Amino acid sequence: MHRFYIPNMTCGGCAKSVTQALLSIDAQAHIETDPAARQVKVDSAMDENDFLAALREAGYPARED
């Protein structure tokens, strides 16, 4: 399980974009977004750096939470 803090994920639309970016790395990942807390949980065996890179490319730079 990976947890990320995404400072500029502030609404449902942002959360949808974040989810799409994460699914581009692992289509089977289970993703839970919480825009109010600006956090996302990703249940995947993929490397967290791949997810961080995808988020950065999508315009949502994140850090491990």
PDB file of N, CA and C in Angstrom:
ATOM      1  N   MET A   1       0.847  -1.184   0.000  1.00  0.00           N
ATOM      2  CA  MET A   1       0.000   0.000   0.000  1.00  0.00           C
ATOM      3  C   MET A   1       0.887   1.240   0.000  1.00  0.00           C
ATOM      4  N   HIS A   2       0.621   2.111  -0.941  1.00  0.00           N
ATOM      5  CA  HIS A   2       1.340   3.385  -1.025  1.00  0.00           C
ATOM      6  C   HIS A   2       0.369   4.494  -0.608  1.00  0.00           C
ATOM      7  N   ARG A   3       0.902   5.495   0.065  1.00  0.00           N
ATOM      8  CA  ARG A   3       0.112   6.670   0.436  1.00  0.00           C
ATOM      9  C   ARG A   3       0.862   7.900  -0.062  1.00  0.00           C
ATOM     10  N   PHE A   4       0.118   8.780  -0.727  1.00  0.00           N
ATOM     11  CA  PHE A   4       0.723   9.988  -1.260  1.00  0.00           C
ATOM     12  C   PHE A   4      -0.068  11.210  -0.823  1.00  0.00           C
ATOM     13  N   TYR A   5       0.665  12.290  -0.602  1.00  0.00           N
ATOM     14  CA  TYR A   5       0.070  13.597  -0.325  1.00  0.00           C
ATOM     15  C   TYR A   5       0.213  14.424  -1.594  1.00  0.00           C
ATOM     16  N   ILE A   6      -0.922  14.941  -2.087  1.00  0.00           N
ATOM     17  CA  ILE A   6      -0.939  15.700  -3.339  1.00  0.00           C
ATOM     18  C   ILE A   6      -1.523  17.076  -3.041  1.00  0.00           C
ATOM     19  N   PRO A   7      -0.664  18.071  -2.835  1.00  0.00           N
ATOM     20  CA  PRO A   7      -1.135  19.397  -2.390  1.00  0.00           C
ATOM     21  C   PRO A   7      -2.178  20.043  -3.298  1.00  0.00           C
ATOM     22  N   ASN A   8      -2.099  19.823  -4.610  1.00  0.00           N
ATOM     23  CA  ASN A   8      -3.036  20.508  -5.503  1.00  0.00           C
ATOM     24  C   ASN A   8      -4.196  19.624  -5.965  1.00  0.00           C
ATOM     25  N   MET A   9      -4.468  18.527  -5.275  1.00  0.00           N
ATOM     26  CA  MET A   9      -5.674  17.726  -5.528  1.00  0.00           C
ATOM     27  C   MET A   9      -6.752  18.247  -4.581  1.00  0.00           C
ATOM     28  N   THR A  10      -7.606  19.141  -5.096  1.00  0.00           N
ATOM     29  CA  THR A  10      -8.527  19.844  -4.221  1.00  0.00           C
ATOM     30  C   THR A  10     -10.000  19.560  -4.498  1.00  0.00           C
ATOM     31  N   CYS A  11     -10.303  18.770  -5.546  1.00  0.00           N
ATOM     32  CA  CYS A  11     -11.710  18.549  -5.884  1.00  0.00           C
ATOM     33  C   CYS A  11     -11.884  17.173  -6.519  1.00  0.00           C
ATOM     34  N   GLY A  12     -13.124  16.835  -6.802  1.00  0.00           N
ATOM     35  CA  GLY A  12     -13.418  15.556  -7.424  1.00  0.00           C
ATOM     36  C   GLY A  12     -12.819  15.416  -8.810  1.00  0.00           C
ATOM     37  N   GLY A  13     -12.777  16.509  -9.552  1.00  0.00           N
ATOM     38  CA  GLY A  13     -12.174  16.471 -10.885  1.00  0.00           C
ATOM     39  C   GLY A  13     -10.686  16.166 -10.803  1.00  0.00           C
ATOM     40  N   CYS A  14     -10.029  16.781  -9.837  1.00  0.00           N
ATOM     41  CA  CYS A  14      -8.608  16.496  -9.604  1.00  0.00           C
ATOM     42  C   CYS A  14      -8.421  15.031  -9.241  1.00  0.00           C
ATOM     43  N   ALA A  15      -9.279  14.528  -8.365  1.00  0.00           N
ATOM     44  CA  ALA A  15      -9.176  13.145  -7.928  1.00  0.00           C
ATOM     45  C   ALA A  15      -9.340  12.188  -9.101  1.00  0.00           C
ATOM     46  N   LYS A  16     -10.225  12.522 -10.027  1.00  0.00           N
ATOM     47  CA  LYS A  16     -10.422  11.685 -11.216  1.00  0.00           C
ATOM     48  C   LYS A  16      -9.157  11.675 -12.074  1.00  0.00           C
ATOM     49  N   SER A  17      -8.547  12.835 -12.261  1.00  0.00           N
ATOM     50  CA  SER A  17      -7.305  12.925 -13.038  1.00  0.00           C
ATOM     51  C   SER A  17      -6.182  12.148 -12.363  1.00  0.00           C
ATOM     52  N   VAL A  18      -6.092  12.254 -11.052  1.00  0.00           N
ATOM     53  CA  VAL A  18      -5.089  11.521 -10.282  1.00  0.00           C
ATOM     54  C   VAL A  18      -5.305  10.016 -10.450  1.00  0.00           C
ATOM     55  N   THR A  19      -6.547   9.587 -10.334  1.00  0.00           N
ATOM     56  CA  THR A  19      -6.865   8.166 -10.477  1.00  0.00           C
ATOM     57  C   THR A  19      -6.464   7.657 -11.855  1.00  0.00           C
ATOM     58  N   GLN A  20      -6.782   8.417 -12.896  1.00  0.00           N
ATOM     59  CA  GLN A  20      -6.423   8.007 -14.261  1.00  0.00           C
ATOM     60  C   GLN A  20      -4.913   7.900 -14.421  1.00  0.00           C
ATOM     61  N   ALA A  21      -4.182   8.845 -13.856  1.00  0.00           N
ATOM     62  CA  ALA A  21      -2.714   8.811 -13.948  1.00  0.00           C
ATOM     63  C   ALA A  21      -2.161   7.571 -13.259  1.00  0.00           C
ATOM     64  N   LEU A  22      -2.705   7.242 -12.083  1.00  0.00           N
ATOM     65  CA  LEU A  22      -2.225   6.081 -11.346  1.00  0.00           C
ATOM     66  C   LEU A  22      -2.587   4.779 -12.058  1.00  0.00           C
ATOM     67  N   LEU A  23      -3.779   4.725 -12.623  1.00  0.00           N
ATOM     68  CA  LEU A  23      -4.194   3.519 -13.339  1.00  0.00           C
ATOM     69  C   LEU A  23      -3.386   3.299 -14.617  1.00  0.00           C
ATOM     70  N   SER A  24      -2.777   4.365 -15.138  1.00  0.00           N
ATOM     71  CA  SER A  24      -1.935   4.205 -16.328  1.00  0.00           C
ATOM     72  C   SER A  24      -0.677   3.410 -15.997  1.00  0.00           C
ATOM     73  N   ILE A  25      -0.303   3.370 -14.733  1.00  0.00           N
ATOM     74  CA  ILE A  25       0.854   2.598 -14.281  1.00  0.00           C
ATOM     75  C   ILE A  25       0.431   1.173 -13.928  1.00  0.00           C
ATOM     76  N   ASP A  26      -0.681   1.029 -13.250  1.00  0.00           N
ATOM     77  CA  ASP A  26      -1.181  -0.296 -12.845  1.00  0.00           C
ATOM     78  C   ASP A  26      -2.702  -0.289 -12.952  1.00  0.00           C
ATOM     79  N   ALA A  27      -3.206  -0.861 -14.041  1.00  0.00           N
ATOM     80  CA  ALA A  27      -4.651  -0.866 -14.293  1.00  0.00           C
ATOM     81  C   ALA A  27      -5.417  -1.670 -13.257  1.00  0.00           C
ATOM     82  N   GLN A  28      -4.727  -2.524 -12.508  1.00  0.00           N
ATOM     83  CA  GLN A  28      -5.383  -3.362 -11.510  1.00  0.00           C
ATOM     84  C   GLN A  28      -5.311  -2.767 -10.099  1.00  0.00           C
ATOM     85  N   ALA A  29      -4.676  -1.622  -9.950  1.00  0.00           N
ATOM     86  CA  ALA A  29      -4.502  -1.009  -8.625  1.00  0.00           C
ATOM     87  C   ALA A  29      -5.847  -0.603  -8.041  1.00  0.00           C
ATOM     88  N   HIS A  30      -5.955  -0.726  -6.726  1.00  0.00           N
ATOM     89  CA  HIS A  30      -7.125  -0.220  -6.004  1.00  0.00           C
ATOM     90  C   HIS A  30      -6.731   1.152  -5.464  1.00  0.00           C
ATOM     91  N   ILE A  31      -7.506   2.161  -5.832  1.00  0.00           N
ATOM     92  CA  ILE A  31      -7.148   3.544  -5.512  1.00  0.00           C
ATOM     93  C   ILE A  31      -8.267   4.195  -4.708  1.00  0.00           C
ATOM     94  N   GLU A  32      -7.884   4.849  -3.620  1.00  0.00           N
ATOM     95  CA  GLU A  32      -8.824   5.620  -2.801  1.00  0.00           C
ATOM     96  C   GLU A  32      -8.302   7.051  -2.727  1.00  0.00           C
ATOM     97  N   THR A  33      -9.113   7.984  -3.201  1.00  0.00           N
ATOM     98  CA  THR A  33      -8.714   9.392  -3.129  1.00  0.00           C
ATOM     99  C   THR A  33      -9.519  10.103  -2.049  1.00  0.00           C
ATOM    100  N   ASP A  34      -8.891  11.086  -1.424  1.00  0.00           N
ATOM    101  CA  ASP A  34      -9.536  11.927  -0.422  1.00  0.00           C
ATOM    102  C   ASP A  34      -9.125  13.375  -0.698  1.00  0.00           C
ATOM    103  N   PRO A  35      -9.872  14.044  -1.612  1.00  0.00           N
ATOM    104  CA  PRO A  35      -9.496  15.420  -1.965  1.00  0.00           C
ATOM    105  C   PRO A  35      -9.460  16.373  -0.778  1.00  0.00           C
ATOM    106  N   ALA A  36     -10.355  16.199   0.192  1.00  0.00           N
ATOM    107  CA  ALA A  36     -10.381  17.097   1.350  1.00  0.00           C
ATOM    108  C   ALA A  36      -9.071  17.022   2.131  1.00  0.00           C
ATOM    109  N   ALA A  37      -8.514  15.823   2.253  1.00  0.00           N
ATOM    110  CA  ALA A  37      -7.238  15.638   2.960  1.00  0.00           C
ATOM    111  C   ALA A  37      -6.051  15.709   2.008  1.00  0.00           C
ATOM    112  N   ARG A  38      -6.355  15.777   0.708  1.00  0.00           N
ATOM    113  CA  ARG A  38      -5.326  15.817  -0.341  1.00  0.00           C
ATOM    114  C   ARG A  38      -4.426  14.586  -0.289  1.00  0.00           C
ATOM    115  N   GLN A  39      -5.055  13.435  -0.055  1.00  0.00           N
ATOM    116  CA  GLN A  39      -4.323  12.186   0.046  1.00  0.00           C
ATOM    117  C   GLN A  39      -4.902  11.146  -0.898  1.00  0.00           C
ATOM    118  N   VAL A  40      -4.041  10.223  -1.295  1.00  0.00           N
ATOM    119  CA  VAL A  40      -4.479   9.087  -2.102  1.00  0.00           C
ATOM    120  C   VAL A  40      -3.772   7.841  -1.585  1.00  0.00           C
ATOM    121  N   LYS A  41      -4.522   6.739  -1.560  1.00  0.00           N
ATOM    122  CA  LYS A  41      -3.970   5.440  -1.182  1.00  0.00           C
ATOM    123  C   LYS A  41      -4.009   4.561  -2.416  1.00  0.00           C
ATOM    124  N   VAL A  42      -2.913   3.871  -2.665  1.00  0.00           N
ATOM    125  CA  VAL A  42      -2.811   3.002  -3.835  1.00  0.00           C
ATOM    126  C   VAL A  42      -2.390   1.618  -3.369  1.00  0.00           C
ATOM    127  N   ASP A  43      -3.240   0.647  -3.615  1.00  0.00           N
ATOM    128  CA  ASP A  43      -2.927  -0.739  -3.273  1.00  0.00           C
ATOM    129  C   ASP A  43      -2.397  -1.399  -4.538  1.00  0.00           C
ATOM    130  N   SER A  44      -1.070  -1.507  -4.616  1.00  0.00           N
ATOM    131  CA  SER A  44      -0.416  -2.046  -5.798  1.00  0.00           C
ATOM    132  C   SER A  44       0.980  -2.525  -5.425  1.00  0.00           C
ATOM    133  N   ALA A  45       1.462  -3.497  -6.176  1.00  0.00           N
ATOM    134  CA  ALA A  45       2.823  -3.996  -5.967  1.00  0.00           C
ATOM    135  C   ALA A  45       3.845  -3.216  -6.798  1.00  0.00           C
ATOM    136  N   MET A  46       3.378  -2.313  -7.643  1.00  0.00           N
ATOM    137  CA  MET A  46       4.284  -1.528  -8.483  1.00  0.00           C
ATOM    138  C   MET A  46       5.110  -0.581  -7.612  1.00  0.00           C
ATOM    139  N   ASP A  47       6.238  -0.138  -8.157  1.00  0.00           N
ATOM    140  CA  ASP A  47       7.156   0.744  -7.440  1.00  0.00           C
ATOM    141  C   ASP A  47       6.542   2.133  -7.263  1.00  0.00           C
ATOM    142  N   GLU A  48       6.683   2.686  -6.072  1.00  0.00           N
ATOM    143  CA  GLU A  48       6.097   4.000  -5.797  1.00  0.00           C
ATOM    144  C   GLU A  48       6.683   5.095  -6.676  1.00  0.00           C
ATOM    145  N   ASN A  49       7.934   4.959  -7.091  1.00  0.00           N
ATOM    146  CA  ASN A  49       8.543   5.984  -7.946  1.00  0.00           C
ATOM    147  C   ASN A  49       7.853   6.072  -9.296  1.00  0.00           C
ATOM    148  N   ASP A  50       7.329   4.943  -9.793  1.00  0.00           N
ATOM    149  CA  ASP A  50       6.576   4.963 -11.049  1.00  0.00           C
ATOM    150  C   ASP A  50       5.302   5.780 -10.878  1.00  0.00           C
ATOM    151  N   PHE A  51       4.631   5.594  -9.736  1.00  0.00           N
ATOM    152  CA  PHE A  51       3.419   6.367  -9.469  1.00  0.00           C
ATOM    153  C   PHE A  51       3.737   7.849  -9.300  1.00  0.00           C
ATOM    154  N   LEU A  52       4.803   8.161  -8.581  1.00  0.00           N
ATOM    155  CA  LEU A  52       5.190   9.562  -8.388  1.00  0.00           C
ATOM    156  C   LEU A  52       5.501  10.238  -9.714  1.00  0.00           C
ATOM    157  N   ALA A  53       6.172   9.524 -10.616  1.00  0.00           N
ATOM    158  CA  ALA A  53       6.494  10.080 -11.939  1.00  0.00           C
ATOM    159  C   ALA A  53       5.218  10.331 -12.739  1.00  0.00           C
ATOM    160  N   ALA A  54       4.273   9.395 -12.703  1.00  0.00           N
ATOM    161  CA  ALA A  54       3.017   9.562 -13.433  1.00  0.00           C
ATOM    162  C   ALA A  54       2.219  10.745 -12.893  1.00  0.00           C
ATOM    163  N   LEU A  55       2.197  10.893 -11.590  1.00  0.00           N
ATOM    164  CA  LEU A  55       1.491  12.029 -10.998  1.00  0.00           C
ATOM    165  C   LEU A  55       2.138  13.351 -11.384  1.00  0.00           C
ATOM    166  N   ARG A  56       3.463  13.374 -11.368  1.00  0.00           N
ATOM    167  CA  ARG A  56       4.190  14.591 -11.744  1.00  0.00           C
ATOM    168  C   ARG A  56       3.867  14.960 -13.202  1.00  0.00           C
ATOM    169  N   GLU A  57       3.881  13.970 -14.087  1.00  0.00           N
ATOM    170  CA  GLU A  57       3.585  14.220 -15.503  1.00  0.00           C
ATOM    171  C   GLU A  57       2.158  14.701 -15.699  1.00  0.00           C
ATOM    172  N   ALA A  58       1.242  14.264 -14.859  1.00  0.00           N
ATOM    173  CA  ALA A  58      -0.157  14.656 -14.965  1.00  0.00           C
ATOM    174  C   ALA A  58      -0.429  16.027 -14.341  1.00  0.00           C
ATOM    175  N   GLY A  59       0.591  16.624 -13.749  1.00  0.00           N
ATOM    176  CA  GLY A  59       0.433  17.942 -13.147  1.00  0.00           C
ATOM    177  C   GLY A  59       0.055  17.910 -11.673  1.00  0.00           C
ATOM    178  N   TYR A  60       0.261  16.749 -11.056  1.00  0.00           N
ATOM    179  CA  TYR A  60      -0.057  16.597  -9.636  1.00  0.00           C
ATOM    180  C   TYR A  60       1.155  16.075  -8.884  1.00  0.00           C
ATOM    181  N   PRO A  61       2.178  16.915  -8.729  1.00  0.00           N
ATOM    182  CA  PRO A  61       3.358  16.447  -7.982  1.00  0.00           C
ATOM    183  C   PRO A  61       2.956  16.022  -6.579  1.00  0.00           C
ATOM    184  N   ALA A  62       3.503  14.898  -6.156  1.00  0.00           N
ATOM    185  CA  ALA A  62       3.119  14.322  -4.870  1.00  0.00           C
ATOM    186  C   ALA A  62       4.373  13.946  -4.083  1.00  0.00           C
ATOM    187  N   ARG A  63       4.133  13.636  -2.828  1.00  0.00           N
ATOM    188  CA  ARG A  63       5.197  13.079  -1.999  1.00  0.00           C
ATOM    189  C   ARG A  63       4.609  11.913  -1.217  1.00  0.00           C
ATOM    190  N   GLU A  64       5.479  11.032  -0.793  1.00  0.00           N
ATOM    191  CA  GLU A  64       5.022   9.902  -0.002  1.00  0.00           C
ATOM    192  C   GLU A  64       4.478  10.437   1.314  1.00  0.00           C
ATOM    193  N   ASP A  65       3.352   9.887   1.742  1.00  0.00           N
ATOM    194  CA  ASP A  65       2.695  10.360   2.957  1.00  0.00           C
ATOM    195  C   ASP A  65       2.823   9.325   4.055  1.00  0.00           C
TER     196      ASP A  65
END
